[in-house]
């Protein structure tokens, strides 16, 4: 199972997308501003590492904000 790398502007959008694909939350790691989570597929041995980054929201606005991928 190959999942294409995607970028989300909101944590809730990323969370809903992973749940639709059949992943469940496993653990959260945070150190200062760096936050990441591990998600595991319910039926397969596939793991996803969801992390946040301080990046541009899109190509039209040069406003930096948190992005999840």
Protein backbone atom coordinates (compact mmCIF):
# COMPACT_ATOMS: atom_id res chain seq x y z
CA UNK A 1 0.00 0.00 0.00
CA UNK A 2 1.53 3.26 -1.14
CA UNK A 3 0.09 6.54 0.09
CA UNK A 4 1.03 9.74 -1.69
CA UNK A 5 2.45 12.51 0.47
CA UNK A 6 -0.20 15.19 1.02
CA UNK A 7 -0.18 18.56 2.73
CA UNK A 8 -3.07 19.85 4.87
CA UNK A 9 -3.70 23.33 6.28
CA UNK A 10 -5.63 21.96 9.24
CA UNK A 11 -5.04 19.14 11.70
CA UNK A 12 -8.71 18.11 11.55
CA UNK A 13 -8.56 17.68 7.76
CA UNK A 14 -5.49 15.45 8.08
CA UNK A 15 -7.10 13.44 10.89
CA UNK A 16 -10.34 12.88 8.95
CA UNK A 17 -8.42 11.86 5.82
CA UNK A 18 -6.42 9.22 7.74
CA UNK A 19 -9.56 7.83 9.39
CA UNK A 20 -11.27 7.52 5.98
CA UNK A 21 -8.30 5.47 4.76
CA UNK A 22 -8.69 3.09 7.70
CA UNK A 23 -5.93 4.29 10.02
CA UNK A 24 -6.16 4.57 13.79
CA UNK A 25 -4.19 6.81 16.13
CA UNK A 26 -1.32 5.12 18.00
CA UNK A 27 0.92 7.70 19.70
CA UNK A 28 1.84 11.39 19.85
CA UNK A 29 5.30 12.88 20.27
CA UNK A 30 5.96 16.56 20.95
CA UNK A 31 9.02 18.55 21.82
CA UNK A 32 8.59 22.33 21.96
CA UNK A 33 7.07 23.35 18.61
CA UNK A 34 7.79 20.04 16.83
CA UNK A 35 4.79 17.73 16.97
CA UNK A 36 4.26 14.39 15.29
CA UNK A 37 1.91 11.42 15.48
CA UNK A 38 2.03 7.77 14.47
CA UNK A 39 -1.01 6.19 12.82
CA UNK A 40 -1.40 2.47 12.05
CA UNK A 41 -3.66 0.85 9.49
CA UNK A 42 -6.28 -1.37 11.14
CA UNK A 43 -5.80 -4.44 8.92
CA UNK A 44 -2.34 -4.08 7.41
CA UNK A 45 1.08 -3.47 8.90
CA UNK A 46 1.30 0.06 7.44
CA UNK A 47 2.34 3.06 9.53
CA UNK A 48 2.03 6.77 8.78
CA UNK A 49 4.06 9.52 10.39
CA UNK A 50 1.99 12.74 10.58
CA UNK A 51 4.12 15.78 11.37
CA UNK A 52 3.64 19.53 11.45
CA UNK A 53 5.81 22.15 9.83
CA UNK A 54 5.83 25.92 9.69
CA UNK A 55 5.29 26.49 5.96
CA UNK A 56 3.44 28.63 3.44
CA UNK A 57 -0.30 27.90 3.31
CA UNK A 58 -0.53 28.03 -0.49
CA UNK A 59 1.12 29.63 -3.51
CA UNK A 60 -1.19 32.67 -3.62
CA UNK A 61 -0.66 33.98 -0.10
CA UNK A 62 2.75 34.41 1.43
CA UNK A 63 1.52 33.79 4.97
CA UNK A 64 3.35 31.21 7.04
CA UNK A 65 1.28 28.92 9.23
CA UNK A 66 1.28 25.34 10.48
CA UNK A 67 0.98 22.69 7.80
CA UNK A 68 0.55 18.95 8.38
CA UNK A 69 1.93 16.20 6.15
